[in-house]
Amino acid sequence: MRNSTRTSPFALLALASLLAVAGSAGSDMRPAQLPAANAAAGATQYVYLPLIMTQTSSRRVNVPYFDVANIGQSKFSETAIFWFGRIGASDNYADVRLGYNNAELYVYVAAFDRRLWYDTSPAPGDLTNWDAVTLYLDRDGNVGGAPDTDAYRFDAQFNWWEARTNYQAAYKGNGSAWATANLPLTTGAGWKGDAPNNNTDDRGWAMTFRVPFTSLGLSGPPAQGTLWGLALALHDRDDSGGAPISDKTWPESLDANRQSTWGQLRFGLPTYTPPSAASTQVTTIRHKLDGAVVTDAAVGGYSVCGNGLDYWTEWGNANYGGDTDFNIQNQSDISDWPCFSKYYVTFPLSAIPSGKAIVSATLTLHHSGNAGNAGQAQPSLIQVLSVGASWNEATLTWNTAPLATENVGRGWVDPVPPGCGSSVPWPCFARTFDVSYAVAQAYAAQQPLRLALYSADSDYHSGKYFTSSDTGDWNAAGRPTLQVRWGNP
């Protein structure tokens, strides 16, 4: 920290805004089932910089609460989603969904994996030498240098038809290491492909964790806003001999024995309480409007599900920069992952004057089409996530796209009605998302607004097509648009 005689007014405002945001942050394989297919000058004391660096570099997932007994059966598409890993011949990728109710924490991991191998005679200490996933939780948060008594580890190995009892293990910290623990836990595995334990390509597997709060020393769920430490490690085996393959982890720099390298789990979805502001104005940011440059690109399978690409060597490296539309799509049938798609967009915030208070912000996308034939399309709960790293539209791919920093918003999108471009003129149907929380964070950090959009959908035919920044000038109004209301603090 640098010291001098004065503190920049903007530095103080950035600190106050960031603290306000942080304080207010407020076969289809579902769990244990395979076949159910169904949402200023003179800056002198940079006190706020360490806080901003922590906010933009750490990983956090805000987990929604559901007043239902079985989250996976009735709220699968409304769980919070994030991802990690990469797709390759010897690489695994994972979509992770989370939710909680009064009794348990629900975690669902869908692994895109070319070869599926599990141990038909498992031993607890050997579970992670096969296709498996480890879930780490710490009730104290992501702080500390050794597993303490509030830290928990759950290993779950993939399997086929056998009972799950021998394919899961629980551990608890003892202050210096992990010790085996007898903790009630429910896990469920599923898979899609040719068959496990052979040398024929498959599509992937999934694992459900249902962790009772009583197993974590609690009588019920933590209060909304509570922060826990969270981490995951995806273990991979692609042959009978177990040739070494590096784990994929979330966060990327995970050291399982140092909670300070973990991410955060926050109970409840974030909210934004705007600061008081006078003389408010609205700034509209859109590609080419007033000289703004808004870059965007999709990654994944687009409308053709990666047709013509080798799924394990080419699909994850495909670039769609420059396309005039994009798809957002996911579902619970992991065999269809070549159809999945995410969207990335970056908005500059330089048009908003320095030292202002962010009152609200909305992202508008124009919806022009659905996946599937007429009558098949299903609603989607599209989730908005902040991204802390820059990216290049010309080189962005599924494998190179930066991971999300935090889920910051969501909104239901119904199937588009017929008539786009004919009875309904372009740009067709506007869909709006509240991104006030994310804009306030980015503005306080003096960074552009970087977002990723994805869904936790379960149903087939849930993809949604939107107009990108690269559409022609004839459809300029259809380009992704950010509107920010700001005022004098």
Protein backbone atom coordinates (compact mmCIF):
# COMPACT_ATOMS: atom_id res chain seq x y z
CA MET A 1 0.00 0.00 0.00
CA ARG A 2 1.31 3.45 -0.96
CA ASN A 3 0.95 6.33 1.51
CA SER A 4 0.79 10.09 1.09
CA THR A 5 -1.13 13.05 2.40
CA ARG A 6 -4.46 12.64 0.59
CA THR A 7 -6.85 9.88 -0.44
CA SER A 8 -8.55 10.03 -3.82
CA PRO A 9 -12.33 10.65 -3.59
CA PHE A 10 -12.81 8.05 -6.31
CA ALA A 11 -10.77 5.52 -4.34
CA LEU A 12 -13.02 6.01 -1.35
CA LEU A 13 -16.13 5.74 -3.51
CA ALA A 14 -14.81 2.55 -5.11
CA LEU A 15 -14.16 1.10 -1.67
CA ALA A 16 -17.61 2.04 -0.42
CA SER A 17 -19.32 0.70 -3.53
CA LEU A 18 -17.46 -2.59 -3.37
CA LEU A 19 -18.23 -3.07 0.32
CA ALA A 20 -21.90 -2.33 -0.36
CA VAL A 21 -21.98 -4.90 -3.15
CA ALA A 22 -20.18 -7.54 -1.11
CA GLY A 23 -22.40 -6.97 1.89
CA SER A 24 -25.64 -7.20 -0.08
CA ALA A 25 -24.67 -10.31 -2.04
CA GLY A 26 -27.42 -11.30 -0.82
CA SER A 27 -29.97 -41.25 -21.14
CA ASP A 28 -30.94 -38.07 -19.24
CA MET A 29 -29.04 -38.26 -15.97
CA ARG A 30 -30.63 -36.66 -12.98
CA PRO A 31 -29.48 -37.64 -9.52
CA ALA A 32 -29.36 -41.41 -9.07
CA GLN A 33 -31.41 -41.88 -12.23
CA LEU A 34 -30.52 -42.39 -15.87
CA PRO A 35 -33.63 -42.14 -17.98
CA ALA A 36 -35.71 -39.11 -16.91
CA ALA A 37 -35.52 -36.49 -19.68
CA ASN A 38 -37.50 -33.61 -18.92
CA ALA A 39 -34.85 -23.16 -15.83
CA ALA A 40 -9.28 11.36 -10.42
CA ALA A 41 -6.09 13.05 -10.09
CA GLY A 42 -4.22 12.93 -6.84
CA ALA A 43 -4.88 9.33 -5.91
CA THR A 44 -2.72 8.69 -2.92
CA GLN A 45 -3.83 5.77 -0.76
CA TYR A 46 -5.05 2.74 -2.69
CA VAL A 47 -6.82 1.13 0.24
CA TYR A 48 -9.48 -0.42 -1.99
CA LEU A 49 -7.16 -2.28 -4.37
CA PRO A 50 -6.58 -5.45 -2.32
CA LEU A 51 -10.34 -5.89 -1.92
CA ILE A 52 -10.93 -5.49 -5.63
CA MET A 53 -8.19 -7.94 -6.52
CA THR A 54 -9.71 -10.52 -4.19
CA GLN A 55 -13.16 -10.01 -5.64
CA THR A 56 -12.08 -10.41 -9.26
CA SER A 57 -9.60 -13.26 -8.87
CA SER A 58 -11.47 -15.57 -6.47
CA ARG A 59 -14.20 -18.01 -7.45
CA ARG A 60 -17.59 -17.91 -5.78
CA VAL A 61 -20.88 -19.69 -6.35
CA ASN A 62 -24.08 -18.24 -4.90
CA VAL A 63 -26.36 -21.19 -4.14
CA PRO A 64 -30.16 -20.89 -4.35
CA TYR A 65 -32.47 -22.20 -1.63
CA PHE A 66 -35.39 -24.46 -2.59
CA ASP A 67 -38.34 -25.37 -0.39
CA VAL A 68 -38.59 -28.87 -1.88
CA ALA A 69 -37.50 -32.28 -0.64
CA ASN A 70 -35.68 -33.46 -3.78
CA ILE A 71 -33.88 -30.64 -5.57
CA GLY A 72 -32.63 -32.85 -8.40
CA GLN A 73 -36.10 -33.99 -9.33
CA SER A 74 -37.99 -30.70 -9.27
CA LYS A 75 -35.47 -27.83 -9.38
CA PHE A 76 -32.57 -29.23 -11.42
CA SER A 77 -32.74 -26.49 -14.06
CA GLU A 78 -32.82 -23.75 -11.39
CA THR A 79 -29.66 -24.78 -9.55
CA ALA A 80 -26.60 -22.54 -9.75
CA ILE A 81 -24.12 -23.64 -12.40
CA PHE A 82 -20.39 -23.22 -12.91
CA TRP A 83 -17.75 -25.18 -14.80
CA PHE A 84 -14.08 -26.14 -14.96
CA GLY A 85 -11.67 -28.35 -16.91
CA ARG A 86 -11.33 -28.81 -20.65
CA ILE A 87 -12.34 -31.26 -23.37
CA GLY A 88 -9.67 -33.41 -24.99
CA ALA A 89 -8.68 -36.99 -25.71
CA SER A 90 -7.20 -37.23 -22.21
CA ASP A 91 -8.88 -34.23 -20.59
CA ASN A 92 -12.11 -33.95 -18.66
CA TYR A 93 -14.53 -31.06 -18.28
CA ALA A 94 -17.30 -30.66 -15.68
CA ASP A 95 -20.54 -28.72 -15.31
CA VAL A 96 -21.40 -28.33 -11.62
CA ARG A 97 -24.90 -27.57 -10.29
CA LEU A 98 -25.69 -26.63 -6.68
CA GLY A 99 -28.73 -25.98 -4.52
CA TYR A 100 -29.83 -26.47 -0.93
CA ASN A 101 -32.96 -26.99 1.15
CA ASN A 102 -33.70 -27.29 4.85
CA ALA A 103 -32.01 -30.67 5.11
CA GLU A 104 -29.06 -30.91 2.72
CA LEU A 105 -26.65 -29.44 0.21
CA TYR A 106 -27.16 -30.74 -3.34
CA VAL A 107 -24.15 -30.94 -5.70
CA TYR A 108 -24.36 -32.47 -9.18
CA VAL A 109 -21.24 -32.92 -11.31
CA ALA A 110 -21.54 -33.84 -15.02
CA ALA A 111 -18.17 -34.98 -16.41
CA PHE A 112 -17.49 -35.01 -20.16
CA ASP A 113 -15.17 -38.02 -20.38
CA ARG A 114 -14.01 -40.11 -23.38
CA ARG A 115 -13.22 -43.34 -21.51
CA LEU A 116 -15.02 -44.55 -18.38
CA TRP A 117 -13.17 -46.71 -15.88
CA TYR A 118 -14.10 -47.77 -12.35
CA ASP A 119 -12.86 -50.31 -9.84
CA THR A 120 -15.08 -53.39 -9.50
CA SER A 121 -13.44 -54.12 -6.11
CA PRO A 122 -13.06 -50.65 -4.62
CA ALA A 123 -11.16 -49.68 -1.49
CA PRO A 124 -11.75 -46.32 0.26
CA GLY A 125 -8.17 -45.12 -0.17
CA ASP A 126 -8.15 -46.01 -3.88
CA LEU A 127 -11.35 -44.29 -5.04
CA THR A 128 -9.64 -41.29 -6.66
CA ASN A 129 -7.38 -43.47 -8.83
CA TRP A 130 -10.35 -44.07 -11.14
CA ASP A 131 -13.06 -41.82 -12.63
CA ALA A 132 -14.17 -39.98 -9.52
CA VAL A 133 -14.83 -36.57 -8.02
CA THR A 134 -13.90 -35.09 -4.66
CA LEU A 135 -16.03 -32.45 -2.96
CA TYR A 136 -14.41 -30.23 -0.32
CA LEU A 137 -16.36 -28.09 2.15
CA ASP A 138 -15.22 -25.88 5.03
CA ARG A 139 -17.71 -24.19 7.32
CA ASP A 140 -15.08 -21.59 8.29
CA GLY A 141 -14.75 -20.32 4.71
CA ASN A 142 -11.83 -20.50 2.31
CA VAL A 143 -9.22 -19.59 4.91
CA GLY A 144 -6.52 -21.60 6.63
CA GLY A 145 -3.46 -23.65 5.82
CA ALA A 146 -4.48 -27.16 6.94
CA PRO A 147 -7.75 -29.12 7.19
CA ASP A 148 -9.32 -28.10 10.51
CA THR A 149 -12.25 -29.70 12.31
CA ASP A 150 -14.76 -27.71 10.24
CA ALA A 151 -13.31 -29.01 6.96
CA TYR A 152 -14.84 -31.98 5.12
CA ARG A 153 -13.85 -34.09 2.14
CA PHE A 154 -16.13 -36.47 0.23
CA ASP A 155 -14.74 -38.85 -2.42
CA ALA A 156 -17.17 -40.49 -4.87
CA GLN A 157 -16.06 -42.88 -7.59
CA PHE A 158 -18.18 -43.46 -10.67
CA ASN A 159 -19.68 -46.96 -11.02
CA TRP A 160 -22.34 -48.81 -13.03
CA TRP A 161 -24.88 -51.09 -11.36
CA GLU A 162 -23.30 -51.87 -7.99
CA ALA A 163 -24.52 -50.42 -4.68
CA ARG A 164 -22.92 -47.08 -3.88
CA THR A 165 -21.75 -47.93 -0.35
CA ASN A 166 -18.23 -48.99 -1.36
CA TYR A 167 -17.82 -46.21 -3.91
CA GLN A 168 -17.89 -43.27 -1.51
CA ALA A 169 -15.79 -42.16 1.46
CA ALA A 170 -15.91 -39.27 3.92
CA TYR A 171 -13.10 -37.48 5.71
CA LYS A 172 -12.88 -34.70 8.28
CA GLY A 173 -9.96 -32.44 9.10
CA ASN A 174 -8.13 -32.98 12.38
CA GLY A 175 -6.09 -29.79 12.37
CA SER A 176 -3.26 -31.06 10.22
CA ALA A 177 -4.57 -33.70 7.79
CA TRP A 178 -7.66 -35.62 6.63
CA ALA A 179 -9.00 -38.39 8.87
CA THR A 180 -11.63 -40.95 7.83
CA ALA A 181 -15.07 -40.18 9.26
CA ASN A 182 -18.37 -42.01 9.52
CA LEU A 183 -20.64 -39.35 8.05
CA PRO A 184 -24.01 -40.12 6.44
CA LEU A 185 -23.89 -39.20 2.75
CA THR A 186 -25.92 -40.03 -0.36
CA THR A 187 -24.23 -40.24 -3.76
CA GLY A 188 -25.61 -41.42 -7.10
CA ALA A 189 -23.81 -42.15 -10.37
CA GLY A 190 -24.94 -42.29 -13.99
CA TRP A 191 -23.25 -42.52 -17.38
CA LYS A 192 -23.78 -42.47 -21.15
CA GLY A 193 -21.77 -44.20 -23.86
CA ASP A 194 -20.75 -47.66 -25.01
CA ALA A 195 -19.84 -49.31 -21.69
CA PRO A 196 -17.45 -48.70 -18.79
CA ASN A 197 -14.11 -50.47 -18.47
CA ASN A 198 -13.33 -50.91 -22.14
CA ASN A 199 -11.36 -49.08 -24.83
CA THR A 200 -14.36 -47.74 -26.76
CA ASP A 201 -15.23 -44.06 -26.61
CA ASP A 202 -18.08 -42.94 -24.33
CA ARG A 203 -19.65 -39.54 -23.66
CA GLY A 204 -19.40 -39.05 -19.91
CA TRP A 205 -20.69 -39.69 -16.42
CA ALA A 206 -22.38 -37.82 -13.61
CA MET A 207 -22.28 -37.82 -9.83
CA THR A 208 -24.80 -36.50 -7.33
CA PHE A 209 -23.87 -35.57 -3.76
CA ARG A 210 -26.60 -35.04 -1.19
CA VAL A 211 -24.82 -33.91 1.95
CA PRO A 212 -27.04 -33.68 5.06
CA PHE A 213 -26.38 -30.60 7.17
CA THR A 214 -26.45 -32.91 10.21
CA SER A 215 -23.36 -34.67 8.80
CA LEU A 216 -21.62 -31.30 8.93
CA GLY A 217 -22.52 -30.67 12.57
CA LEU A 218 -25.55 -28.47 11.89
CA SER A 219 -29.23 -28.88 12.70
CA GLY A 220 -30.31 -27.06 9.55
CA PRO A 221 -29.07 -24.81 6.74
CA PRO A 222 -26.80 -21.84 7.44
CA ALA A 223 -28.28 -18.35 7.32
CA GLN A 224 -28.46 -16.73 3.90
CA GLY A 225 -25.25 -14.87 3.21
CA THR A 226 -23.07 -17.40 5.05
CA LEU A 227 -19.78 -18.12 3.27
CA TRP A 228 -18.19 -21.57 3.24
CA GLY A 229 -15.07 -22.84 1.56
CA LEU A 230 -15.76 -24.96 -1.53
CA ALA A 231 -13.52 -26.88 -3.91
CA LEU A 232 -13.76 -29.81 -6.32
CA ALA A 233 -11.28 -32.15 -7.96
CA LEU A 234 -12.20 -34.24 -10.99
CA HIS A 235 -10.15 -37.44 -11.23
CA ASP A 236 -9.73 -39.27 -14.54
CA ARG A 237 -8.71 -42.74 -15.66
CA ASP A 238 -8.70 -43.71 -19.32
CA ASP A 239 -7.22 -47.22 -19.38
CA SER A 240 -6.96 -50.38 -17.32
CA GLY A 241 -3.39 -49.65 -16.26
CA GLY A 242 -4.12 -46.18 -14.92
CA ALA A 243 -1.70 -44.07 -16.97
CA PRO A 244 -1.32 -40.81 -14.99
CA ILE A 245 -3.73 -38.00 -15.88
CA SER A 246 -3.69 -34.72 -14.00
CA ASP A 247 -6.76 -33.82 -11.97
CA LYS A 248 -8.94 -30.94 -13.10
CA THR A 249 -9.79 -28.66 -10.20
CA TRP A 250 -11.95 -25.75 -9.14
CA PRO A 251 -10.44 -23.33 -8.41
CA GLU A 252 -7.56 -23.91 -10.81
CA SER A 253 -4.83 -23.42 -8.18
CA LEU A 254 -6.42 -25.77 -5.66
CA ASP A 255 -4.29 -27.28 -2.93
CA ALA A 256 -6.66 -29.59 -1.08
CA ASN A 257 -4.70 -29.14 2.15
CA ARG A 258 -4.77 -25.33 2.09
CA GLN A 259 -8.27 -23.89 2.31
CA SER A 260 -6.92 -20.47 1.31
CA THR A 261 -6.68 -21.87 -2.25
CA TRP A 262 -10.35 -22.95 -2.31
CA GLY A 263 -13.30 -21.06 -3.72
CA GLN A 264 -16.37 -19.81 -1.87
CA LEU A 265 -19.90 -21.13 -1.49
CA ARG A 266 -22.40 -18.46 -0.49
CA PHE A 267 -25.84 -19.52 0.71
CA GLY A 268 -28.46 -17.54 -1.19
CA LEU A 269 -28.45 -15.60 -4.44
CA PRO A 270 -26.85 -12.15 -4.62
CA THR A 271 -28.91 -8.99 -4.41
CA TYR A 272 -27.95 -5.39 -5.03
CA THR A 273 -28.94 -2.48 -2.81
CA PRO A 274 -28.07 0.71 -4.71
CA PRO A 275 -26.45 3.63 -2.91
CA SER A 276 -28.27 6.93 -2.67
CA ALA A 277 -27.83 8.98 -5.83
CA ALA A 278 -29.04 12.31 -7.19
CA SER A 279 -29.47 13.60 -10.72
CA THR A 280 -29.52 10.13 -12.23
CA GLN A 281 -28.83 9.51 -15.90
CA VAL A 282 -28.83 6.43 -18.14
CA THR A 283 -25.88 5.45 -20.32
CA THR A 284 -26.62 3.00 -23.16
CA ILE A 285 -23.72 0.85 -24.34
CA ARG A 286 -23.96 -1.12 -27.59
CA HIS A 287 -21.46 -2.10 -30.25
CA LYS A 288 -20.78 0.85 -32.61
CA LEU A 289 -23.14 3.14 -30.65
CA ASP A 290 -21.18 6.32 -29.87
CA GLY A 291 -18.01 4.48 -30.85
CA ALA A 292 -18.33 1.70 -28.27
CA VAL A 293 -16.69 -1.66 -29.00
CA VAL A 294 -18.66 -4.54 -27.51
CA THR A 295 -17.00 -7.88 -28.23
CA ASP A 296 -18.87 -11.16 -27.92
CA ALA A 297 -18.63 -14.79 -29.00
CA ALA A 298 -20.20 -18.15 -28.25
CA VAL A 299 -18.36 -21.36 -27.44
CA GLY A 300 -19.59 -24.93 -27.78
CA GLY A 301 -21.67 -26.71 -30.40
CA TYR A 302 -23.74 -23.85 -31.87
CA SER A 303 -26.85 -24.92 -33.84
CA VAL A 304 -25.30 -27.99 -35.46
CA CYS A 305 -23.97 -29.60 -32.25
CA GLY A 306 -20.42 -29.47 -33.54
CA ASN A 307 -21.29 -31.39 -36.68
CA GLY A 308 -18.17 -32.27 -38.67
CA LEU A 309 -15.83 -31.88 -35.70
CA ASP A 310 -14.15 -34.66 -33.78
CA TYR A 311 -15.68 -34.27 -30.34
CA TRP A 312 -12.52 -35.08 -28.41
CA THR A 313 -9.83 -33.32 -30.46
CA GLU A 314 -11.59 -30.48 -32.34
CA TRP A 315 -14.91 -29.58 -30.67
CA GLY A 316 -13.37 -27.90 -27.62
CA ASN A 317 -11.08 -25.80 -29.83
CA ALA A 318 -13.69 -24.44 -32.26
CA ASN A 319 -13.99 -20.66 -32.53
CA TYR A 320 -17.23 -18.88 -33.51
CA GLY A 321 -16.02 -15.29 -33.30
CA GLY A 322 -17.77 -13.10 -35.86
CA ASP A 323 -21.02 -15.09 -35.97
CA THR A 324 -24.11 -12.90 -36.18
CA ASP A 325 -26.08 -14.95 -33.67
CA PHE A 326 -25.37 -17.32 -30.80
CA ASN A 327 -26.93 -20.14 -28.83
CA ILE A 328 -27.23 -20.70 -25.07
CA GLN A 329 -27.98 -24.34 -24.33
CA ASN A 330 -27.52 -27.12 -21.78
CA GLN A 331 -29.48 -30.18 -20.63
CA SER A 332 -29.29 -33.11 -18.25
CA ASP A 333 -28.61 -35.80 -20.88
CA ILE A 334 -24.83 -35.74 -20.87
CA SER A 335 -24.61 -37.66 -24.15
CA ASP A 336 -25.78 -34.46 -25.86
CA TRP A 337 -22.96 -32.26 -24.58
CA PRO A 338 -21.75 -31.54 -28.13
CA CYS A 339 -24.91 -29.37 -28.40
CA PHE A 340 -24.14 -27.31 -25.29
CA SER A 341 -23.23 -23.64 -25.77
CA LYS A 342 -22.17 -20.66 -23.64
CA TYR A 343 -21.97 -16.97 -24.51
CA TYR A 344 -19.30 -14.40 -23.54
CA VAL A 345 -19.60 -10.62 -23.87
CA THR A 346 -17.52 -7.61 -22.78
CA PHE A 347 -18.94 -4.09 -22.37
CA PRO A 348 -16.67 -1.08 -21.81
CA LEU A 349 -17.78 1.14 -18.92
CA SER A 350 -15.63 4.13 -19.86
CA ALA A 351 -18.70 6.14 -20.95
CA ILE A 352 -19.82 6.33 -17.30
CA PRO A 353 -18.06 9.29 -15.62
CA SER A 354 -15.72 8.63 -12.72
CA GLY A 355 -16.92 8.90 -9.15
CA LYS A 356 -20.59 8.08 -9.76
CA ALA A 357 -22.97 5.80 -7.90
CA ILE A 358 -24.38 2.84 -9.83
CA VAL A 359 -28.14 2.72 -9.32
CA SER A 360 -29.12 -0.12 -11.65
CA ALA A 361 -28.15 -1.87 -14.87
CA THR A 362 -29.85 -4.15 -17.37
CA LEU A 363 -28.57 -6.37 -20.16
CA THR A 364 -30.89 -6.76 -23.14
CA LEU A 365 -30.54 -9.57 -25.67
CA HIS A 366 -32.80 -10.05 -28.67
CA HIS A 367 -34.22 -13.55 -28.97
CA SER A 368 -34.84 -14.83 -32.48
CA GLY A 369 -35.17 -18.62 -32.35
CA ASN A 370 -35.39 -21.87 -30.41
CA ALA A 371 -33.78 -25.29 -30.54
CA GLY A 372 -35.96 -28.11 -31.86
CA ASN A 373 -38.92 -28.19 -34.18
CA ALA A 374 -42.11 -26.17 -33.75
CA GLY A 375 -43.83 -27.01 -30.50
CA GLN A 376 -40.79 -28.73 -28.93
CA ALA A 377 -39.05 -25.70 -27.40
CA GLN A 378 -38.92 -25.45 -23.60
CA PRO A 379 -38.36 -22.47 -21.26
CA SER A 380 -34.85 -21.80 -19.94
CA LEU A 381 -33.53 -20.13 -16.83
CA ILE A 382 -30.49 -18.38 -18.29
CA GLN A 383 -27.81 -17.51 -15.76
CA VAL A 384 -25.45 -14.54 -15.91
CA LEU A 385 -21.95 -14.92 -14.47
CA SER A 386 -19.15 -12.41 -14.10
CA VAL A 387 -15.75 -13.12 -15.65
CA GLY A 388 -12.55 -11.68 -14.22
CA ALA A 389 -10.16 -12.21 -17.15
CA SER A 390 -10.00 -10.71 -20.62
CA TRP A 391 -10.35 -12.81 -23.76
CA ASN A 392 -9.95 -12.48 -27.53
CA GLU A 393 -12.97 -12.96 -29.79
CA ALA A 394 -10.77 -14.44 -32.53
CA THR A 395 -9.32 -17.14 -30.27
CA LEU A 396 -12.09 -17.79 -27.74
CA THR A 397 -13.05 -21.48 -27.52
CA TRP A 398 -14.70 -23.79 -25.02
CA ASN A 399 -11.23 -24.77 -23.79
CA THR A 400 -9.67 -21.29 -23.70
CA ALA A 401 -12.64 -19.34 -22.32
CA PRO A 402 -11.95 -17.95 -18.84
CA LEU A 403 -13.83 -19.48 -15.92
CA ALA A 404 -16.63 -17.55 -14.27
CA THR A 405 -15.87 -15.52 -11.17
CA GLU A 406 -19.39 -15.55 -9.72
CA ASN A 407 -23.01 -16.08 -10.71
CA VAL A 408 -24.55 -12.60 -10.60
CA GLY A 409 -28.05 -12.83 -12.15
CA ARG A 410 -30.62 -14.99 -13.87
CA GLY A 411 -33.83 -14.73 -15.85
CA TRP A 412 -36.45 -17.00 -17.37
CA VAL A 413 -36.65 -17.01 -21.16
CA ASP A 414 -39.74 -18.55 -22.73
CA PRO A 415 -39.63 -20.03 -26.24
CA VAL A 416 -39.77 -17.37 -28.90
CA PRO A 417 -43.18 -17.11 -30.59
CA PRO A 418 -43.35 -17.61 -34.35
CA GLY A 419 -42.94 -14.71 -36.73
CA CYS A 420 -39.47 -13.31 -36.09
CA GLY A 421 -38.43 -11.43 -39.23
CA SER A 422 -41.88 -11.69 -40.83
CA SER A 423 -44.96 -10.78 -38.80
CA VAL A 424 -42.64 -9.59 -36.02
CA PRO A 425 -39.99 -7.21 -37.36
CA TRP A 426 -36.33 -7.45 -36.39
CA PRO A 427 -34.81 -7.31 -33.84
CA CYS A 428 -37.68 -9.53 -32.67
CA PHE A 429 -38.06 -10.28 -28.96
CA ALA A 430 -36.17 -8.41 -26.23
CA ARG A 431 -35.09 -10.40 -23.16
CA THR A 432 -33.77 -8.40 -20.20
CA PHE A 433 -31.50 -9.41 -17.31
CA ASP A 434 -30.72 -7.41 -14.17
CA VAL A 435 -26.93 -7.03 -13.99
CA SER A 436 -26.74 -4.21 -11.43
CA TYR A 437 -24.63 -6.27 -9.03
CA ALA A 438 -22.08 -7.14 -11.73
CA VAL A 439 -21.84 -3.60 -13.12
CA ALA A 440 -21.29 -2.14 -9.65
CA GLN A 441 -18.44 -4.60 -9.09
CA ALA A 442 -16.79 -3.91 -12.44
CA TYR A 443 -17.19 -0.14 -12.15
CA ALA A 444 -15.67 -0.11 -8.65
CA ALA A 445 -12.74 -2.16 -9.96
CA GLN A 446 -12.33 0.20 -12.95
CA GLN A 447 -12.73 -2.77 -15.28
CA PRO A 448 -15.00 -3.45 -18.26
CA LEU A 449 -18.07 -5.58 -17.62
CA ARG A 450 -17.19 -9.14 -18.63
CA LEU A 451 -20.02 -11.67 -18.56
CA ALA A 452 -20.72 -15.28 -19.45
CA LEU A 453 -24.24 -16.66 -19.96
CA TYR A 454 -25.15 -20.33 -19.59
CA SER A 455 -28.02 -22.43 -18.25
CA ALA A 456 -28.54 -25.44 -15.99
CA ASP A 457 -31.38 -26.72 -18.18
CA SER A 458 -32.65 -30.26 -17.95
CA ASP A 459 -35.06 -30.50 -20.89
CA TYR A 460 -34.28 -31.34 -24.47
CA HIS A 461 -34.97 -28.52 -26.99
CA SER A 462 -34.18 -25.79 -24.48
CA GLY A 463 -31.60 -23.88 -26.56
CA LYS A 464 -32.18 -20.19 -27.28
CA TYR A 465 -30.78 -18.14 -30.19
CA PHE A 466 -29.93 -14.47 -29.83
CA THR A 467 -28.47 -11.71 -32.01
CA SER A 468 -24.78 -10.93 -31.47
CA SER A 469 -22.76 -7.72 -31.71
CA ASP A 470 -21.59 -8.84 -35.16
CA THR A 471 -24.99 -8.52 -36.78
CA GLY A 472 -25.19 -6.04 -39.66
CA ASP A 473 -25.90 -2.37 -39.17
CA TRP A 474 -29.41 -2.96 -40.53
CA ASN A 475 -30.11 -4.76 -37.23
CA ALA A 476 -28.08 -2.49 -34.95
CA ALA A 477 -30.94 -2.23 -32.45
CA GLY A 478 -30.74 -6.00 -31.98
CA ARG A 479 -27.17 -6.00 -30.72
CA PRO A 480 -26.62 -6.84 -27.04
CA THR A 481 -27.26 -3.66 -25.06
CA LEU A 482 -26.25 -2.57 -21.58
CA GLN A 483 -28.14 0.28 -19.93
CA VAL A 484 -26.67 1.69 -16.73
CA ARG A 485 -28.45 4.19 -14.50
CA TRP A 486 -26.00 6.20 -12.43
CA GLY A 487 -26.01 9.38 -10.40
CA ASN A 488 -24.09 11.65 -8.08
CA PRO A 489 -23.40 10.08 -4.68
